[in-house]
Amino acid sequence: EAKKLKETLANLTVELKAKSGDGGRLFGSITSKQIANQLQKSHKIKLDKRKIELDSPIRALGYTNVPVKLHPEVSGTIKVHVSEE
């Protein structure tokens, strides 16, 4: 089940919008909680925010690959695209 979810997540992109200033820097940041909420809203996949392994919150526009721990032996990645609001 975890391996199937890993493959599903590998083909998804989570789209988030945020306000940004000059040079693509965000006002504030994108947290794992926001990624989990958006994943549920747009793709109907419920994932615990604690399983999203963001080392530090996302603070810039563009694409970021975020590691996800789905199972003790299965890790995957989610593509997160942050665009300007």
PDB file of N, CA and C in Angstrom:
ATOM      1  N   GLU A   1       0.831  -1.202   0.000  1.00  0.00           N
ATOM      2  CA  GLU A   1       0.000   0.000   0.000  1.00  0.00           C
ATOM      3  C   GLU A   1       0.870   1.259   0.000  1.00  0.00           C
ATOM      4  N   ALA A   2       1.906   1.254   0.831  1.00  0.00           N
ATOM      5  CA  ALA A   2       2.820   2.403   0.901  1.00  0.00           C
ATOM      6  C   ALA A   2       3.567   2.599  -0.420  1.00  0.00           C
ATOM      7  N   LYS A   3       3.926   1.485  -1.076  1.00  0.00           N
ATOM      8  CA  LYS A   3       4.645   1.583  -2.355  1.00  0.00           C
ATOM      9  C   LYS A   3       3.739   2.154  -3.446  1.00  0.00           C
ATOM     10  N   LYS A   4       2.455   1.774  -3.396  1.00  0.00           N
ATOM     11  CA  LYS A   4       1.493   2.300  -4.366  1.00  0.00           C
ATOM     12  C   LYS A   4       1.331   3.808  -4.170  1.00  0.00           C
ATOM     13  N   LEU A   5       1.237   4.228  -2.904  1.00  0.00           N
ATOM     14  CA  LEU A   5       1.115   5.652  -2.578  1.00  0.00           C
ATOM     15  C   LEU A   5       2.357   6.420  -3.029  1.00  0.00           C
ATOM     16  N   LYS A   6       3.530   5.805  -2.865  1.00  0.00           N
ATOM     17  CA  LYS A   6       4.788   6.430  -3.292  1.00  0.00           C
ATOM     18  C   LYS A   6       4.753   6.735  -4.789  1.00  0.00           C
ATOM     19  N   GLU A   7       4.279   5.763  -5.593  1.00  0.00           N
ATOM     20  CA  GLU A   7       4.187   5.963  -7.040  1.00  0.00           C
ATOM     21  C   GLU A   7       3.182   7.046  -7.393  1.00  0.00           C
ATOM     22  N   THR A   8       2.048   7.074  -6.680  1.00  0.00           N
ATOM     23  CA  THR A   8       1.034   8.098  -6.913  1.00  0.00           C
ATOM     24  C   THR A   8       1.606   9.481  -6.622  1.00  0.00           C
ATOM     25  N   LEU A   9       2.285   9.614  -5.486  1.00  0.00           N
ATOM     26  CA  LEU A   9       2.861  10.904  -5.090  1.00  0.00           C
ATOM     27  C   LEU A   9       3.959  11.362  -6.046  1.00  0.00           C
ATOM     28  N   ALA A  10       4.700  10.414  -6.594  1.00  0.00           N
ATOM     29  CA  ALA A  10       5.791  10.762  -7.514  1.00  0.00           C
ATOM     30  C   ALA A  10       5.272  11.463  -8.769  1.00  0.00           C
ATOM     31  N   ASN A  11       4.014  11.176  -9.141  1.00  0.00           N
ATOM     32  CA  ASN A  11       3.446  11.766 -10.355  1.00  0.00           C
ATOM     33  C   ASN A  11       2.615  13.016 -10.088  1.00  0.00           C
ATOM     34  N   LEU A  12       2.543  13.444  -8.825  1.00  0.00           N
ATOM     35  CA  LEU A  12       1.732  14.604  -8.476  1.00  0.00           C
ATOM     36  C   LEU A  12       2.583  15.851  -8.293  1.00  0.00           C
ATOM     37  N   THR A  13       1.938  16.994  -8.459  1.00  0.00           N
ATOM     38  CA  THR A  13       2.552  18.262  -8.095  1.00  0.00           C
ATOM     39  C   THR A  13       1.554  18.993  -7.226  1.00  0.00           C
ATOM     40  N   VAL A  14       1.984  19.427  -6.058  1.00  0.00           N
ATOM     41  CA  VAL A  14       1.128  20.188  -5.164  1.00  0.00           C
ATOM     42  C   VAL A  14       1.344  21.658  -5.478  1.00  0.00           C
ATOM     43  N   GLU A  15       0.271  22.341  -5.887  1.00  0.00           N
ATOM     44  CA  GLU A  15       0.356  23.757  -6.244  1.00  0.00           C
ATOM     45  C   GLU A  15      -0.031  24.614  -5.047  1.00  0.00           C
ATOM     46  N   LEU A  16       0.838  25.530  -4.659  1.00  0.00           N
ATOM     47  CA  LEU A  16       0.541  26.456  -3.570  1.00  0.00           C
ATOM     48  C   LEU A  16       0.811  27.873  -4.046  1.00  0.00           C
ATOM     49  N   LYS A  17      -0.012  28.823  -3.585  1.00  0.00           N
ATOM     50  CA  LYS A  17       0.201  30.226  -3.934  1.00  0.00           C
ATOM     51  C   LYS A  17       0.601  30.978  -2.675  1.00  0.00           C
ATOM     52  N   ALA A  18       1.535  31.917  -2.830  1.00  0.00           N
ATOM     53  CA  ALA A  18       1.987  32.712  -1.695  1.00  0.00           C
ATOM     54  C   ALA A  18       2.371  34.110  -2.164  1.00  0.00           C
ATOM     55  N   LYS A  19       2.277  35.060  -1.273  1.00  0.00           N
ATOM     56  CA  LYS A  19       2.699  36.422  -1.603  1.00  0.00           C
ATOM     57  C   LYS A  19       4.218  36.467  -1.561  1.00  0.00           C
ATOM     58  N   SER A  20       4.804  37.170  -2.552  1.00  0.00           N
ATOM     59  CA  SER A  20       6.265  37.241  -2.584  1.00  0.00           C
ATOM     60  C   SER A  20       6.740  38.648  -2.890  1.00  0.00           C
ATOM     61  N   GLY A  21       7.975  38.911  -2.532  1.00  0.00           N
ATOM     62  CA  GLY A  21       8.585  40.214  -2.789  1.00  0.00           C
ATOM     63  C   GLY A  21       9.552  40.122  -3.952  1.00  0.00           C
ATOM     64  N   ASP A  22      10.524  41.004  -3.962  1.00  0.00           N
ATOM     65  CA  ASP A  22      11.521  41.026  -5.038  1.00  0.00           C
ATOM     66  C   ASP A  22      12.382  39.771  -5.023  1.00  0.00           C
ATOM     67  N   GLY A  23      12.761  39.304  -6.184  1.00  0.00           N
ATOM     68  CA  GLY A  23      13.662  38.169  -6.308  1.00  0.00           C
ATOM     69  C   GLY A  23      13.046  36.833  -5.929  1.00  0.00           C
ATOM     70  N   GLY A  24      11.720  36.755  -5.899  1.00  0.00           N
ATOM     71  CA  GLY A  24      11.050  35.485  -5.627  1.00  0.00           C
ATOM     72  C   GLY A  24      11.101  35.035  -4.172  1.00  0.00           C
ATOM     73  N   ARG A  25      11.437  35.939  -3.252  1.00  0.00           N
ATOM     74  CA  ARG A  25      11.429  35.585  -1.829  1.00  0.00           C
ATOM     75  C   ARG A  25       9.999  35.717  -1.311  1.00  0.00           C
ATOM     76  N   LEU A  26       9.572  34.755  -0.486  1.00  0.00           N
ATOM     77  CA  LEU A  26       8.213  34.783   0.036  1.00  0.00           C
ATOM     78  C   LEU A  26       8.112  35.656   1.282  1.00  0.00           C
ATOM     79  N   PHE A  27       6.920  36.236   1.464  1.00  0.00           N
ATOM     80  CA  PHE A  27       6.601  36.881   2.739  1.00  0.00           C
ATOM     81  C   PHE A  27       6.092  35.734   3.595  1.00  0.00           C
ATOM     82  N   GLY A  28       6.852  35.336   4.601  1.00  0.00           N
ATOM     83  CA  GLY A  28       6.479  34.145   5.369  1.00  0.00           C
ATOM     84  C   GLY A  28       7.074  32.927   4.694  1.00  0.00           C
ATOM     85  N   SER A  29       6.451  31.761   4.910  1.00  0.00           N
ATOM     86  CA  SER A  29       6.996  30.538   4.328  1.00  0.00           C
ATOM     87  C   SER A  29       5.911  29.487   4.186  1.00  0.00           C
ATOM     88  N   ILE A  30       6.231  28.416   3.446  1.00  0.00           N
ATOM     89  CA  ILE A  30       5.323  27.291   3.237  1.00  0.00           C
ATOM     90  C   ILE A  30       5.746  26.187   4.203  1.00  0.00           C
ATOM     91  N   THR A  31       4.805  25.709   5.017  1.00  0.00           N
ATOM     92  CA  THR A  31       5.117  24.677   6.010  1.00  0.00           C
ATOM     93  C   THR A  31       4.571  23.319   5.571  1.00  0.00           C
ATOM     94  N   SER A  32       4.975  22.265   6.279  1.00  0.00           N
ATOM     95  CA  SER A  32       4.503  20.917   5.952  1.00  0.00           C
ATOM     96  C   SER A  32       2.985  20.814   6.163  1.00  0.00           C
ATOM     97  N   LYS A  33       2.443  21.583   7.106  1.00  0.00           N
ATOM     98  CA  LYS A  33       0.995  21.563   7.348  1.00  0.00           C
ATOM     99  C   LYS A  33       0.242  22.087   6.123  1.00  0.00           C
ATOM    100  N   GLN A  34       0.735  23.163   5.520  1.00  0.00           N
ATOM    101  CA  GLN A  34       0.101  23.713   4.324  1.00  0.00           C
ATOM    102  C   GLN A  34       0.173  22.727   3.158  1.00  0.00           C
ATOM    103  N   ILE A  35       1.295  22.032   3.024  1.00  0.00           N
ATOM    104  CA  ILE A  35       1.460  21.040   1.954  1.00  0.00           C
ATOM    105  C   ILE A  35       0.460  19.901   2.162  1.00  0.00           C
ATOM    106  N   ALA A  36       0.333  19.419   3.407  1.00  0.00           N
ATOM    107  CA  ALA A  36      -0.596  18.328   3.716  1.00  0.00           C
ATOM    108  C   ALA A  36      -2.047  18.749   3.439  1.00  0.00           C
ATOM    109  N   ASN A  37      -2.413  19.966   3.820  1.00  0.00           N
ATOM    110  CA  ASN A  37      -3.775  20.461   3.590  1.00  0.00           C
ATOM    111  C   ASN A  37      -4.085  20.566   2.102  1.00  0.00           C
ATOM    112  N   GLN A  38      -3.131  21.096   1.318  1.00  0.00           N
ATOM    113  CA  GLN A  38      -3.338  21.256  -0.120  1.00  0.00           C
ATOM    114  C   GLN A  38      -3.397  19.907  -0.828  1.00  0.00           C
ATOM    115  N   LEU A  39      -2.612  18.949  -0.366  1.00  0.00           N
ATOM    116  CA  LEU A  39      -2.613  17.599  -0.925  1.00  0.00           C
ATOM    117  C   LEU A  39      -3.998  16.969  -0.742  1.00  0.00           C
ATOM    118  N   GLN A  40      -4.584  17.189   0.428  1.00  0.00           N
ATOM    119  CA  GLN A  40      -5.912  16.665   0.715  1.00  0.00           C
ATOM    120  C   GLN A  40      -6.970  17.355  -0.160  1.00  0.00           C
ATOM    121  N   LYS A  41      -6.874  18.693  -0.276  1.00  0.00           N
ATOM    122  CA  LYS A  41      -7.862  19.464  -1.039  1.00  0.00           C
ATOM    123  C   LYS A  41      -7.853  19.113  -2.519  1.00  0.00           C
ATOM    124  N   SER A  42      -6.660  19.167  -3.137  1.00  0.00           N
ATOM    125  CA  SER A  42      -6.623  19.018  -4.586  1.00  0.00           C
ATOM    126  C   SER A  42      -6.498  17.590  -5.075  1.00  0.00           C
ATOM    127  N   HIS A  43      -5.944  16.669  -4.277  1.00  0.00           N
ATOM    128  CA  HIS A  43      -5.744  15.300  -4.756  1.00  0.00           C
ATOM    129  C   HIS A  43      -6.440  14.243  -3.903  1.00  0.00           C
ATOM    130  N   LYS A  44      -7.151  14.662  -2.856  1.00  0.00           N
ATOM    131  CA  LYS A  44      -7.893  13.748  -1.959  1.00  0.00           C
ATOM    132  C   LYS A  44      -6.985  12.677  -1.340  1.00  0.00           C
ATOM    133  N   ILE A  45      -5.734  13.055  -1.041  1.00  0.00           N
ATOM    134  CA  ILE A  45      -4.813  12.131  -0.384  1.00  0.00           C
ATOM    135  C   ILE A  45      -4.542  12.666   1.012  1.00  0.00           C
ATOM    136  N   LYS A  46      -4.905  11.867   2.013  1.00  0.00           N
ATOM    137  CA  LYS A  46      -4.699  12.302   3.394  1.00  0.00           C
ATOM    138  C   LYS A  46      -3.325  11.813   3.847  1.00  0.00           C
ATOM    139  N   LEU A  47      -2.474  12.764   4.214  1.00  0.00           N
ATOM    140  CA  LEU A  47      -1.119  12.445   4.639  1.00  0.00           C
ATOM    141  C   LEU A  47      -0.813  13.255   5.885  1.00  0.00           C
ATOM    142  N   ASP A  48      -0.322  12.595   6.916  1.00  0.00           N
ATOM    143  CA  ASP A  48       0.010  13.274   8.167  1.00  0.00           C
ATOM    144  C   ASP A  48       1.155  14.252   7.933  1.00  0.00           C
ATOM    145  N   LYS A  49       1.000  15.490   8.421  1.00  0.00           N
ATOM    146  CA  LYS A  49       2.047  16.485   8.206  1.00  0.00           C
ATOM    147  C   LYS A  49       3.388  16.077   8.813  1.00  0.00           C
ATOM    148  N   ARG A  50       3.358  15.212   9.822  1.00  0.00           N
ATOM    149  CA  ARG A  50       4.610  14.770  10.444  1.00  0.00           C
ATOM    150  C   ARG A  50       5.396  13.826   9.533  1.00  0.00           C
ATOM    151  N   LYS A  51       4.731  13.277   8.507  1.00  0.00           N
ATOM    152  CA  LYS A  51       5.423  12.380   7.577  1.00  0.00           C
ATOM    153  C   LYS A  51       6.111  13.152   6.461  1.00  0.00           C
ATOM    154  N   ILE A  52       5.772  14.438   6.340  1.00  0.00           N
ATOM    155  CA  ILE A  52       6.412  15.284   5.333  1.00  0.00           C
ATOM    156  C   ILE A  52       7.690  15.831   5.956  1.00  0.00           C
ATOM    157  N   GLU A  53       8.823  15.428   5.406  1.00  0.00           N
ATOM    158  CA  GLU A  53      10.107  15.759   6.017  1.00  0.00           C
ATOM    159  C   GLU A  53      10.734  17.014   5.421  1.00  0.00           C
ATOM    160  N   LEU A  54      10.170  18.167   5.787  1.00  0.00           N
ATOM    161  CA  LEU A  54      10.720  19.450   5.357  1.00  0.00           C
ATOM    162  C   LEU A  54      11.795  19.835   6.372  1.00  0.00           C
ATOM    163  N   ASP A  55      13.033  19.963   5.924  1.00  0.00           N
ATOM    164  CA  ASP A  55      14.101  20.353   6.847  1.00  0.00           C
ATOM    165  C   ASP A  55      13.863  21.757   7.381  1.00  0.00           C
ATOM    166  N   SER A  56      13.517  22.656   6.466  1.00  0.00           N
ATOM    167  CA  SER A  56      13.162  24.014   6.856  1.00  0.00           C
ATOM    168  C   SER A  56      12.033  24.466   5.939  1.00  0.00           C
ATOM    169  N   PRO A  57      11.167  25.367   6.406  1.00  0.00           N
ATOM    170  CA  PRO A  57      10.039  25.813   5.566  1.00  0.00           C
ATOM    171  C   PRO A  57      10.520  26.390   4.228  1.00  0.00           C
ATOM    172  N   ILE A  58       9.697  26.235   3.192  1.00  0.00           N
ATOM    173  CA  ILE A  58      10.037  26.737   1.853  1.00  0.00           C
ATOM    174  C   ILE A  58       9.865  28.259   1.852  1.00  0.00           C
ATOM    175  N   ARG A  59      10.886  28.973   1.424  1.00  0.00           N
ATOM    176  CA  ARG A  59      10.841  30.436   1.461  1.00  0.00           C
ATOM    177  C   ARG A  59      11.014  31.088   0.083  1.00  0.00           C
ATOM    178  N   ALA A  60      10.961  30.308  -0.997  1.00  0.00           N
ATOM    179  CA  ALA A  60      11.156  30.889  -2.324  1.00  0.00           C
ATOM    180  C   ALA A  60      10.144  30.309  -3.322  1.00  0.00           C
ATOM    181  N   LEU A  61       9.902  31.048  -4.396  1.00  0.00           N
ATOM    182  CA  LEU A  61       9.014  30.578  -5.456  1.00  0.00           C
ATOM    183  C   LEU A  61       9.687  29.465  -6.240  1.00  0.00           C
ATOM    184  N   GLY A  62       8.868  28.686  -6.959  1.00  0.00           N
ATOM    185  CA  GLY A  62       9.426  27.656  -7.825  1.00  0.00           C
ATOM    186  C   GLY A  62       9.126  26.255  -7.331  1.00  0.00           C
ATOM    187  N   TYR A  63       9.827  25.289  -7.907  1.00  0.00           N
ATOM    188  CA  TYR A  63       9.609  23.880  -7.588  1.00  0.00           C
ATOM    189  C   TYR A  63      10.568  23.413  -6.501  1.00  0.00           C
ATOM    190  N   THR A  64      10.044  22.605  -5.583  1.00  0.00           N
ATOM    191  CA  THR A  64      10.864  22.013  -4.530  1.00  0.00           C
ATOM    192  C   THR A  64      10.458  20.554  -4.394  1.00  0.00           C
ATOM    193  N   ASN A  65      11.425  19.651  -4.301  1.00  0.00           N
ATOM    194  CA  ASN A  65      11.115  18.246  -4.035  1.00  0.00           C
ATOM    195  C   ASN A  65      11.180  18.030  -2.529  1.00  0.00           C
ATOM    196  N   VAL A  66      10.069  17.558  -1.972  1.00  0.00           N
ATOM    197  CA  VAL A  66       9.984  17.375  -0.528  1.00  0.00           C
ATOM    198  C   VAL A  66       9.927  15.884  -0.207  1.00  0.00           C
ATOM    199  N   PRO A  67      10.869  15.390   0.609  1.00  0.00           N
ATOM    200  CA  PRO A  67      10.849  13.974   0.977  1.00  0.00           C
ATOM    201  C   PRO A  67       9.689  13.638   1.920  1.00  0.00           C
ATOM    202  N   VAL A  68       9.112  12.445   1.735  1.00  0.00           N
ATOM    203  CA  VAL A  68       7.986  11.996   2.552  1.00  0.00           C
ATOM    204  C   VAL A  68       8.280  10.591   3.056  1.00  0.00           C
ATOM    205  N   LYS A  69       8.078  10.360   4.346  1.00  0.00           N
ATOM    206  CA  LYS A  69       8.267   9.026   4.910  1.00  0.00           C
ATOM    207  C   LYS A  69       6.884   8.380   5.012  1.00  0.00           C
ATOM    208  N   LEU A  70       6.625   7.381   4.165  1.00  0.00           N
ATOM    209  CA  LEU A  70       5.311   6.755   4.098  1.00  0.00           C
ATOM    210  C   LEU A  70       5.210   5.539   5.019  1.00  0.00           C
ATOM    211  N   HIS A  71       6.355   4.936   5.302  1.00  0.00           N
ATOM    212  CA  HIS A  71       6.406   3.668   6.032  1.00  0.00           C
ATOM    213  C   HIS A  71       7.853   3.550   6.498  1.00  0.00           C
ATOM    214  N   PRO A  72       8.144   2.812   7.572  1.00  0.00           N
ATOM    215  CA  PRO A  72       9.554   2.703   7.987  1.00  0.00           C
ATOM    216  C   PRO A  72      10.522   2.314   6.868  1.00  0.00           C
ATOM    217  N   GLU A  73      10.044   1.563   5.875  1.00  0.00           N
ATOM    218  CA  GLU A  73      10.932   1.136   4.791  1.00  0.00           C
ATOM    219  C   GLU A  73      10.661   1.826   3.458  1.00  0.00           C
ATOM    220  N   VAL A  74       9.636   2.686   3.407  1.00  0.00           N
ATOM    221  CA  VAL A  74       9.277   3.317   2.135  1.00  0.00           C
ATOM    222  C   VAL A  74       9.289   4.843   2.268  1.00  0.00           C
ATOM    223  N   SER A  75      10.137   5.486   1.456  1.00  0.00           N
ATOM    224  CA  SER A  75      10.165   6.942   1.408  1.00  0.00           C
ATOM    225  C   SER A  75       9.865   7.378  -0.009  1.00  0.00           C
ATOM    226  N   GLY A  76       9.199   8.519  -0.146  1.00  0.00           N
ATOM    227  CA  GLY A  76       8.881   9.028  -1.475  1.00  0.00           C
ATOM    228  C   GLY A  76       9.181  10.514  -1.540  1.00  0.00           C
ATOM    229  N   THR A  77       8.773  11.140  -2.636  1.00  0.00           N
ATOM    230  CA  THR A  77       8.937  12.586  -2.771  1.00  0.00           C
ATOM    231  C   THR A  77       7.674  13.200  -3.342  1.00  0.00           C
ATOM    232  N   ILE A  78       7.404  14.427  -2.919  1.00  0.00           N
ATOM    233  CA  ILE A  78       6.291  15.197  -3.475  1.00  0.00           C
ATOM    234  C   ILE A  78       6.906  16.425  -4.118  1.00  0.00           C
ATOM    235  N   LYS A  79       6.457  16.738  -5.350  1.00  0.00           N
ATOM    236  CA  LYS A  79       6.878  17.980  -5.990  1.00  0.00           C
ATOM    237  C   LYS A  79       5.949  19.072  -5.502  1.00  0.00           C
ATOM    238  N   VAL A  80       6.523  20.138  -4.957  1.00  0.00           N
ATOM    239  CA  VAL A  80       5.726  21.266  -4.492  1.00  0.00           C
ATOM    240  C   VAL A  80       6.066  22.460  -5.370  1.00  0.00           C
ATOM    241  N   HIS A  81       5.038  23.057  -5.990  1.00  0.00           N
ATOM    242  CA  HIS A  81       5.250  24.224  -6.838  1.00  0.00           C
ATOM    243  C   HIS A  81       4.652  25.436  -6.141  1.00  0.00           C
ATOM    244  N   VAL A  82       5.485  26.390  -5.789  1.00  0.00           N
ATOM    245  CA  VAL A  82       5.019  27.622  -5.152  1.00  0.00           C
ATOM    246  C   VAL A  82       4.992  28.717  -6.195  1.00  0.00           C
ATOM    247  N   SER A  83       3.803  29.290  -6.443  1.00  0.00           N
ATOM    248  CA  SER A  83       3.686  30.364  -7.419  1.00  0.00           C
ATOM    249  C   SER A  83       3.203  31.631  -6.739  1.00  0.00           C
ATOM    250  N   GLU A  84       3.355  32.747  -7.434  1.00  0.00           N
ATOM    251  CA  GLU A  84       2.987  34.036  -6.850  1.00  0.00           C
ATOM    252  C   GLU A  84       1.479  34.199  -6.777  1.00  0.00           C
ATOM    253  N   GLU A  85       1.002  34.764  -5.686  1.00  0.00           N
ATOM    254  CA  GLU A  85      -0.434  34.985  -5.472  1.00  0.00           C
ATOM    255  C   GLU A  85      -0.878  36.203  -6.245  1.00  0.00           C
TER     256      GLU A  85
END
